[in-house]
């Protein structure tokens, strides 16, 4: 997915369901049935995977990563982000 390819979804207040895959061999972002599947190479330690997932989602939406807030799932693979 190219940067900003899903910019039509970048509406303030929108929430995004994410299925994170930490320590993935190949990083990637896809949208499957309303759930973002984001694979990152970062390990799930000290919030590194969460930061990488937020950055990948922001890149896919074409917004600044500071505009995304993790509202649920800090220690889970299933996460929910809100766009501020």
PDB file of N, CA and C in Angstrom:
ATOM      1  N   UNK A   1       0.839  -1.164   0.000  1.00  0.00           N
ATOM      2  CA  UNK A   1       0.000   0.000   0.000  1.00  0.00           C
ATOM      3  C   UNK A   1       0.889   1.234   0.000  1.00  0.00           C
ATOM      4  N   UNK A   2       0.629   2.157  -0.893  1.00  0.00           N
ATOM      5  CA  UNK A   2       1.441   3.366  -0.988  1.00  0.00           C
ATOM      6  C   UNK A   2       0.970   4.407   0.019  1.00  0.00           C
ATOM      7  N   UNK A   3       1.880   5.358   0.349  1.00  0.00           N
ATOM      8  CA  UNK A   3       1.571   6.397   1.326  1.00  0.00           C
ATOM      9  C   UNK A   3       0.311   7.152   0.930  1.00  0.00           C
ATOM     10  N   UNK A   4      -0.609   7.282   1.872  1.00  0.00           N
ATOM     11  CA  UNK A   4      -1.810   8.047   1.643  1.00  0.00           C
ATOM     12  C   UNK A   4      -2.830   7.370   0.741  1.00  0.00           C
ATOM     13  N   UNK A   5      -2.611   6.086   0.450  1.00  0.00           N
ATOM     14  CA  UNK A   5      -3.509   5.387  -0.464  1.00  0.00           C
ATOM     15  C   UNK A   5      -4.924   5.335   0.085  1.00  0.00           C
ATOM     16  N   UNK A   6      -5.078   5.290   1.388  1.00  0.00           N
ATOM     17  CA  UNK A   6      -6.407   5.256   2.005  1.00  0.00           C
ATOM     18  C   UNK A   6      -6.680   6.558   2.745  1.00  0.00           C
ATOM     19  N   UNK A   7      -6.258   7.674   2.171  1.00  0.00           N
ATOM     20  CA  UNK A   7      -6.461   8.978   2.780  1.00  0.00           C
ATOM     21  C   UNK A   7      -7.943   9.306   2.926  1.00  0.00           C
ATOM     22  N   UNK A   8      -8.807   8.650   2.157  1.00  0.00           N
ATOM     23  CA  UNK A   8     -10.246   8.890   2.270  1.00  0.00           C
ATOM     24  C   UNK A   8     -10.786   8.447   3.625  1.00  0.00           C
ATOM     25  N   UNK A   9     -10.068   7.596   4.341  1.00  0.00           N
ATOM     26  CA  UNK A   9     -10.488   7.120   5.655  1.00  0.00           C
ATOM     27  C   UNK A   9      -9.987   8.018   6.781  1.00  0.00           C
ATOM     28  N   UNK A  10      -9.108   8.959   6.464  1.00  0.00           N
ATOM     29  CA  UNK A  10      -8.477   9.815   7.474  1.00  0.00           C
ATOM     30  C   UNK A  10      -9.400  10.962   7.868  1.00  0.00           C
ATOM     31  N   UNK A  11     -10.433  10.640   8.629  1.00  0.00           N
ATOM     32  CA  UNK A  11     -11.402  11.625   9.102  1.00  0.00           C
ATOM     33  C   UNK A  11     -11.193  11.796  10.601  1.00  0.00           C
ATOM     34  N   UNK A  12     -11.031  13.026  11.094  1.00  0.00           N
ATOM     35  CA  UNK A  12     -10.849  13.213  12.536  1.00  0.00           C
ATOM     36  C   UNK A  12     -11.969  12.541  13.331  1.00  0.00           C
ATOM     37  N   UNK A  13     -11.577  11.828  14.375  1.00  0.00           N
ATOM     38  CA  UNK A  13     -12.523  11.101  15.208  1.00  0.00           C
ATOM     39  C   UNK A  13     -12.754   9.665  14.774  1.00  0.00           C
ATOM     40  N   UNK A  14     -12.264   9.298  13.601  1.00  0.00           N
ATOM     41  CA  UNK A  14     -12.435   7.929  13.100  1.00  0.00           C
ATOM     42  C   UNK A  14     -11.609   6.964  13.942  1.00  0.00           C
ATOM     43  N   UNK A  15     -12.157   5.761  14.136  1.00  0.00           N
ATOM     44  CA  UNK A  15     -11.445   4.723  14.869  1.00  0.00           C
ATOM     45  C   UNK A  15     -11.088   3.586  13.919  1.00  0.00           C
ATOM     46  N   UNK A  16      -9.930   2.987  14.159  1.00  0.00           N
ATOM     47  CA  UNK A  16      -9.416   1.936  13.284  1.00  0.00           C
ATOM     48  C   UNK A  16      -9.086   0.695  14.101  1.00  0.00           C
ATOM     49  N   UNK A  17      -9.659  -0.439  13.715  1.00  0.00           N
ATOM     50  CA  UNK A  17      -9.332  -1.721  14.326  1.00  0.00           C
ATOM     51  C   UNK A  17      -8.086  -2.253  13.627  1.00  0.00           C
ATOM     52  N   UNK A  18      -7.124  -2.702  14.425  1.00  0.00           N
ATOM     53  CA  UNK A  18      -5.840  -3.146  13.897  1.00  0.00           C
ATOM     54  C   UNK A  18      -5.494  -4.505  14.489  1.00  0.00           C
ATOM     55  N   UNK A  19      -5.016  -5.397  13.642  1.00  0.00           N
ATOM     56  CA  UNK A  19      -4.451  -6.683  14.076  1.00  0.00           C
ATOM     57  C   UNK A  19      -2.951  -6.574  13.837  1.00  0.00           C
ATOM     58  N   UNK A  20      -2.179  -6.494  14.910  1.00  0.00           N
ATOM     59  CA  UNK A  20      -0.733  -6.311  14.812  1.00  0.00           C
ATOM     60  C   UNK A  20      -0.021  -7.652  14.741  1.00  0.00           C
ATOM     61  N   UNK A  21       1.032  -7.695  13.926  1.00  0.00           N
ATOM     62  CA  UNK A  21       1.883  -8.877  13.824  1.00  0.00           C
ATOM     63  C   UNK A  21       3.321  -8.421  14.083  1.00  0.00           C
ATOM     64  N   UNK A  22       3.772  -8.502  15.354  1.00  0.00           N
ATOM     65  CA  UNK A  22       5.146  -8.097  15.663  1.00  0.00           C
ATOM     66  C   UNK A  22       6.149  -9.149  15.223  1.00  0.00           C
ATOM     67  N   UNK A  23       7.400  -8.742  15.091  1.00  0.00           N
ATOM     68  CA  UNK A  23       8.503  -9.623  14.677  1.00  0.00           C
ATOM     69  C   UNK A  23       8.227 -10.344  13.358  1.00  0.00           C
ATOM     70  N   UNK A  24       7.563  -9.654  12.459  1.00  0.00           N
ATOM     71  CA  UNK A  24       7.261 -10.250  11.161  1.00  0.00           C
ATOM     72  C   UNK A  24       8.515 -10.252  10.293  1.00  0.00           C
ATOM     73  N   UNK A  25       8.634 -11.267   9.471  1.00  0.00           N
ATOM     74  CA  UNK A  25       9.768 -11.344   8.555  1.00  0.00           C
ATOM     75  C   UNK A  25       9.656 -10.253   7.493  1.00  0.00           C
ATOM     76  N   UNK A  26       8.423 -10.055   6.998  1.00  0.00           N
ATOM     77  CA  UNK A  26       8.157  -9.014   6.003  1.00  0.00           C
ATOM     78  C   UNK A  26       7.136  -8.028   6.568  1.00  0.00           C
ATOM     79  N   UNK A  27       7.501  -6.754   6.589  1.00  0.00           N
ATOM     80  CA  UNK A  27       6.576  -5.726   7.065  1.00  0.00           C
ATOM     81  C   UNK A  27       5.560  -5.429   5.973  1.00  0.00           C
ATOM     82  N   UNK A  28       4.347  -5.108   6.390  1.00  0.00           N
ATOM     83  CA  UNK A  28       3.323  -4.779   5.409  1.00  0.00           C
ATOM     84  C   UNK A  28       2.037  -4.321   6.058  1.00  0.00           C
ATOM     85  N   UNK A  29       1.197  -3.664   5.251  1.00  0.00           N
ATOM     86  CA  UNK A  29      -0.084  -3.138   5.712  1.00  0.00           C
ATOM     87  C   UNK A  29      -1.152  -3.566   4.717  1.00  0.00           C
ATOM     88  N   UNK A  30      -2.269  -4.092   5.240  1.00  0.00           N
ATOM     89  CA  UNK A  30      -3.399  -4.426   4.372  1.00  0.00           C
ATOM     90  C   UNK A  30      -4.689  -4.162   5.134  1.00  0.00           C
ATOM     91  N   UNK A  31      -5.753  -3.947   4.394  1.00  0.00           N
ATOM     92  CA  UNK A  31      -7.070  -3.718   4.975  1.00  0.00           C
ATOM     93  C   UNK A  31      -7.948  -4.882   4.567  1.00  0.00           C
ATOM     94  N   UNK A  32      -8.343  -5.692   5.546  1.00  0.00           N
ATOM     95  CA  UNK A  32      -9.110  -6.909   5.273  1.00  0.00           C
ATOM     96  C   UNK A  32     -10.399  -6.886   6.084  1.00  0.00           C
ATOM     97  N   UNK A  33     -11.516  -6.701   5.411  1.00  0.00           N
ATOM     98  CA  UNK A  33     -12.811  -6.733   6.089  1.00  0.00           C
ATOM     99  C   UNK A  33     -12.969  -5.680   7.167  1.00  0.00           C
ATOM    100  N   UNK A  34     -12.437  -4.500   6.958  1.00  0.00           N
ATOM    101  CA  UNK A  34     -12.566  -3.422   7.933  1.00  0.00           C
ATOM    102  C   UNK A  34     -11.533  -3.441   9.034  1.00  0.00           C
ATOM    103  N   UNK A  35     -10.648  -4.434   9.032  1.00  0.00           N
ATOM    104  CA  UNK A  35      -9.590  -4.531  10.040  1.00  0.00           C
ATOM    105  C   UNK A  35      -8.248  -4.376   9.341  1.00  0.00           C
ATOM    106  N   UNK A  36      -7.441  -3.455   9.849  1.00  0.00           N
ATOM    107  CA  UNK A  36      -6.098  -3.262   9.310  1.00  0.00           C
ATOM    108  C   UNK A  36      -5.206  -4.361   9.849  1.00  0.00           C
ATOM    109  N   UNK A  37      -4.484  -5.044   8.982  1.00  0.00           N
ATOM    110  CA  UNK A  37      -3.492  -6.046   9.384  1.00  0.00           C
ATOM    111  C   UNK A  37      -2.135  -5.416   9.107  1.00  0.00           C
ATOM    112  N   UNK A  38      -1.388  -5.190  10.191  1.00  0.00           N
ATOM    113  CA  UNK A  38      -0.113  -4.492  10.080  1.00  0.00           C
ATOM    114  C   UNK A  38       0.990  -5.370  10.649  1.00  0.00           C
ATOM    115  N   UNK A  39       1.904  -5.766   9.788  1.00  0.00           N
ATOM    116  CA  UNK A  39       3.058  -6.577  10.187  1.00  0.00           C
ATOM    117  C   UNK A  39       4.273  -5.653  10.298  1.00  0.00           C
ATOM    118  N   UNK A  40       4.957  -5.746  11.436  1.00  0.00           N
ATOM    119  CA  UNK A  40       6.153  -4.927  11.669  1.00  0.00           C
ATOM    120  C   UNK A  40       7.287  -5.826  12.140  1.00  0.00           C
ATOM    121  N   UNK A  41       8.501  -5.403  11.898  1.00  0.00           N
ATOM    122  CA  UNK A  41       9.655  -6.207  12.306  1.00  0.00           C
ATOM    123  C   UNK A  41      10.030  -5.969  13.760  1.00  0.00           C
ATOM    124  N   UNK A  42       9.513  -4.923  14.367  1.00  0.00           N
ATOM    125  CA  UNK A  42       9.839  -4.595  15.760  1.00  0.00           C
ATOM    126  C   UNK A  42       9.265  -5.639  16.720  1.00  0.00           C
ATOM    127  N   UNK A  43      10.003  -5.938  17.778  1.00  0.00           N
ATOM    128  CA  UNK A  43       9.490  -6.884  18.779  1.00  0.00           C
ATOM    129  C   UNK A  43       8.467  -6.207  19.690  1.00  0.00           C
ATOM    130  N   UNK A  44       7.632  -7.002  20.324  1.00  0.00           N
ATOM    131  CA  UNK A  44       6.612  -6.484  21.240  1.00  0.00           C
ATOM    132  C   UNK A  44       7.224  -6.283  22.628  1.00  0.00           C
ATOM    133  N   UNK A  45       8.221  -5.432  22.710  1.00  0.00           N
ATOM    134  CA  UNK A  45       8.905  -5.136  23.966  1.00  0.00           C
ATOM    135  C   UNK A  45       9.014  -3.632  24.127  1.00  0.00           C
ATOM    136  N   UNK A  46       8.708  -3.141  25.319  1.00  0.00           N
ATOM    137  CA  UNK A  46       8.849  -1.718  25.638  1.00  0.00           C
ATOM    138  C   UNK A  46       8.080  -0.808  24.686  1.00  0.00           C
ATOM    139  N   UNK A  47       6.985  -1.284  24.126  1.00  0.00           N
ATOM    140  CA  UNK A  47       6.153  -0.458  23.254  1.00  0.00           C
ATOM    141  C   UNK A  47       6.709  -0.230  21.857  1.00  0.00           C
ATOM    142  N   UNK A  48       7.781  -0.932  21.503  1.00  0.00           N
ATOM    143  CA  UNK A  48       8.384  -0.715  20.178  1.00  0.00           C
ATOM    144  C   UNK A  48       7.460  -1.159  19.060  1.00  0.00           C
ATOM    145  N   UNK A  49       6.766  -2.277  19.224  1.00  0.00           N
ATOM    146  CA  UNK A  49       5.847  -2.743  18.182  1.00  0.00           C
ATOM    147  C   UNK A  49       4.663  -1.796  18.062  1.00  0.00           C
ATOM    148  N   UNK A  50       4.144  -1.295  19.180  1.00  0.00           N
ATOM    149  CA  UNK A  50       3.028  -0.347  19.128  1.00  0.00           C
ATOM    150  C   UNK A  50       3.412   0.910  18.360  1.00  0.00           C
ATOM    151  N   UNK A  51       4.614   1.416  18.617  1.00  0.00           N
ATOM    152  CA  UNK A  51       5.083   2.609  17.915  1.00  0.00           C
ATOM    153  C   UNK A  51       5.231   2.340  16.422  1.00  0.00           C
ATOM    154  N   UNK A  52       5.747   1.170  16.073  1.00  0.00           N
ATOM    155  CA  UNK A  52       5.920   0.822  14.662  1.00  0.00           C
ATOM    156  C   UNK A  52       4.572   0.634  13.972  1.00  0.00           C
ATOM    157  N   UNK A  53       3.602   0.042  14.672  1.00  0.00           N
ATOM    158  CA  UNK A  53       2.265  -0.150  14.108  1.00  0.00           C
ATOM    159  C   UNK A  53       1.600   1.201  13.886  1.00  0.00           C
ATOM    160  N   UNK A  54       1.700   2.103  14.853  1.00  0.00           N
ATOM    161  CA  UNK A  54       1.117   3.437  14.714  1.00  0.00           C
ATOM    162  C   UNK A  54       1.746   4.184  13.546  1.00  0.00           C
ATOM    163  N   UNK A  55       3.054   4.069  13.400  1.00  0.00           N
ATOM    164  CA  UNK A  55       3.751   4.735  12.304  1.00  0.00           C
ATOM    165  C   UNK A  55       3.313   4.174  10.950  1.00  0.00           C
ATOM    166  N   UNK A  56       3.165   2.853  10.854  1.00  0.00           N
ATOM    167  CA  UNK A  56       2.742   2.222   9.597  1.00  0.00           C
ATOM    168  C   UNK A  56       1.308   2.609   9.245  1.00  0.00           C
ATOM    169  N   UNK A  57       0.428   2.659  10.240  1.00  0.00           N
ATOM    170  CA  UNK A  57      -0.959   3.053   9.996  1.00  0.00           C
ATOM    171  C   UNK A  57      -1.031   4.510   9.556  1.00  0.00           C
ATOM    172  N   UNK A  58      -0.290   5.365  10.227  1.00  0.00           N
ATOM    173  CA  UNK A  58      -0.260   6.784   9.858  1.00  0.00           C
ATOM    174  C   UNK A  58       0.243   6.961   8.431  1.00  0.00           C
ATOM    175  N   UNK A  59       1.262   6.216   8.073  1.00  0.00           N
ATOM    176  CA  UNK A  59       1.820   6.280   6.717  1.00  0.00           C
ATOM    177  C   UNK A  59       0.777   5.846   5.690  1.00  0.00           C
ATOM    178  N   UNK A  60       0.048   4.774   5.985  1.00  0.00           N
ATOM    179  CA  UNK A  60      -0.968   4.265   5.063  1.00  0.00           C
ATOM    180  C   UNK A  60      -2.119   5.254   4.895  1.00  0.00           C
ATOM    181  N   UNK A  61      -2.430   5.985   5.964  1.00  0.00           N
ATOM    182  CA  UNK A  61      -3.527   6.955   5.909  1.00  0.00           C
ATOM    183  C   UNK A  61      -3.071   8.313   5.394  1.00  0.00           C
ATOM    184  N   UNK A  62      -1.763   8.536   5.388  1.00  0.00           N
ATOM    185  CA  UNK A  62      -1.235   9.815   4.917  1.00  0.00           C
ATOM    186  C   UNK A  62      -1.382  10.919   5.949  1.00  0.00           C
ATOM    187  N   UNK A  63      -1.269  10.555   7.238  1.00  0.00           N
ATOM    188  CA  UNK A  63      -1.366  11.540   8.318  1.00  0.00           C
ATOM    189  C   UNK A  63      -0.121  11.452   9.187  1.00  0.00           C
ATOM    190  N   UNK A  64       0.065  12.445  10.043  1.00  0.00           N
ATOM    191  CA  UNK A  64       1.185  12.429  10.980  1.00  0.00           C
ATOM    192  C   UNK A  64       0.930  11.383  12.063  1.00  0.00           C
ATOM    193  N   UNK A  65       1.968  10.669  12.471  1.00  0.00           N
ATOM    194  CA  UNK A  65       1.779   9.614  13.469  1.00  0.00           C
ATOM    195  C   UNK A  65       1.342  10.173  14.813  1.00  0.00           C
ATOM    196  N   UNK A  66       1.621  11.428  15.081  1.00  0.00           N
ATOM    197  CA  UNK A  66       1.188  12.063  16.318  1.00  0.00           C
ATOM    198  C   UNK A  66      -0.319  12.260  16.394  1.00  0.00           C
ATOM    199  N   UNK A  67      -1.003  12.156  15.274  1.00  0.00           N
ATOM    200  CA  UNK A  67      -2.463  12.309  15.258  1.00  0.00           C
ATOM    201  C   UNK A  67      -3.182  11.021  15.639  1.00  0.00           C
ATOM    202  N   UNK A  68      -2.477   9.892  15.676  1.00  0.00           N
ATOM    203  CA  UNK A  68      -3.093   8.614  16.047  1.00  0.00           C
ATOM    204  C   UNK A  68      -2.895   8.355  17.531  1.00  0.00           C
ATOM    205  N   UNK A  69      -3.984   7.965  18.197  1.00  0.00           N
ATOM    206  CA  UNK A  69      -3.945   7.672  19.624  1.00  0.00           C
ATOM    207  C   UNK A  69      -4.385   6.227  19.819  1.00  0.00           C
ATOM    208  N   UNK A  70      -3.571   5.462  20.540  1.00  0.00           N
ATOM    209  CA  UNK A  70      -3.924   4.087  20.875  1.00  0.00           C
ATOM    210  C   UNK A  70      -4.934   4.139  22.010  1.00  0.00           C
ATOM    211  N   UNK A  71      -6.163   3.684  21.755  1.00  0.00           N
ATOM    212  CA  UNK A  71      -7.197   3.767  22.790  1.00  0.00           C
ATOM    213  C   UNK A  71      -7.481   2.419  23.447  1.00  0.00           C
ATOM    214  N   UNK A  72      -7.060   1.318  22.816  1.00  0.00           N
ATOM    215  CA  UNK A  72      -7.283  -0.001  23.395  1.00  0.00           C
ATOM    216  C   UNK A  72      -6.282  -0.985  22.816  1.00  0.00           C
ATOM    217  N   UNK A  73      -5.779  -1.900  23.648  1.00  0.00           N
ATOM    218  CA  UNK A  73      -4.943  -2.982  23.160  1.00  0.00           C
ATOM    219  C   UNK A  73      -3.454  -2.767  23.244  1.00  0.00           C
ATOM    220  N   UNK A  74      -2.990  -2.023  24.231  1.00  0.00           N
ATOM    221  CA  UNK A  74      -1.556  -1.746  24.350  1.00  0.00           C
ATOM    222  C   UNK A  74      -0.727  -3.023  24.487  1.00  0.00           C
ATOM    223  N   UNK A  75      -1.297  -4.069  25.104  1.00  0.00           N
ATOM    224  CA  UNK A  75      -0.553  -5.310  25.301  1.00  0.00           C
ATOM    225  C   UNK A  75      -1.150  -6.468  24.506  1.00  0.00           C
ATOM    226  N   UNK A  76      -2.001  -6.168  23.555  1.00  0.00           N
ATOM    227  CA  UNK A  76      -2.677  -7.194  22.764  1.00  0.00           C
ATOM    228  C   UNK A  76      -2.338  -7.029  21.288  1.00  0.00           C
ATOM    229  N   UNK A  77      -2.542  -8.077  20.519  1.00  0.00           N
ATOM    230  CA  UNK A  77      -2.365  -7.970  19.069  1.00  0.00           C
ATOM    231  C   UNK A  77      -3.520  -7.211  18.432  1.00  0.00           C
ATOM    232  N   UNK A  78      -4.693  -7.276  19.061  1.00  0.00           N
ATOM    233  CA  UNK A  78      -5.860  -6.553  18.567  1.00  0.00           C
ATOM    234  C   UNK A  78      -5.876  -5.180  19.227  1.00  0.00           C
ATOM    235  N   UNK A  79      -5.790  -4.147  18.401  1.00  0.00           N
ATOM    236  CA  UNK A  79      -5.657  -2.774  18.897  1.00  0.00           C
ATOM    237  C   UNK A  79      -6.737  -1.881  18.279  1.00  0.00           C
ATOM    238  N   UNK A  80      -6.948  -0.740  18.882  1.00  0.00           N
ATOM    239  CA  UNK A  80      -7.888   0.236  18.357  1.00  0.00           C
ATOM    240  C   UNK A  80      -7.213   1.601  18.453  1.00  0.00           C
ATOM    241  N   UNK A  81      -7.150   2.295  17.310  1.00  0.00           N
ATOM    242  CA  UNK A  81      -6.573   3.619  17.227  1.00  0.00           C
ATOM    243  C   UNK A  81      -7.658   4.621  16.860  1.00  0.00           C
ATOM    244  N   UNK A  82      -7.504   5.857  17.361  1.00  0.00           N
ATOM    245  CA  UNK A  82      -8.407   6.943  16.983  1.00  0.00           C
ATOM    246  C   UNK A  82      -7.572   8.053  16.351  1.00  0.00           C
ATOM    247  N   UNK A  83      -8.115   8.645  15.309  1.00  0.00           N
ATOM    248  CA  UNK A  83      -7.443   9.752  14.631  1.00  0.00           C
ATOM    249  C   UNK A  83      -7.917  11.048  15.248  1.00  0.00           C
ATOM    250  N   UNK A  84      -6.998  11.813  15.789  1.00  0.00           N
ATOM    251  CA  UNK A  84      -7.325  13.117  16.412  1.00  0.00           C
ATOM    252  C   UNK A  84      -7.303  14.202  15.376  1.00  0.00           C
TER     253      UNK A  84
END
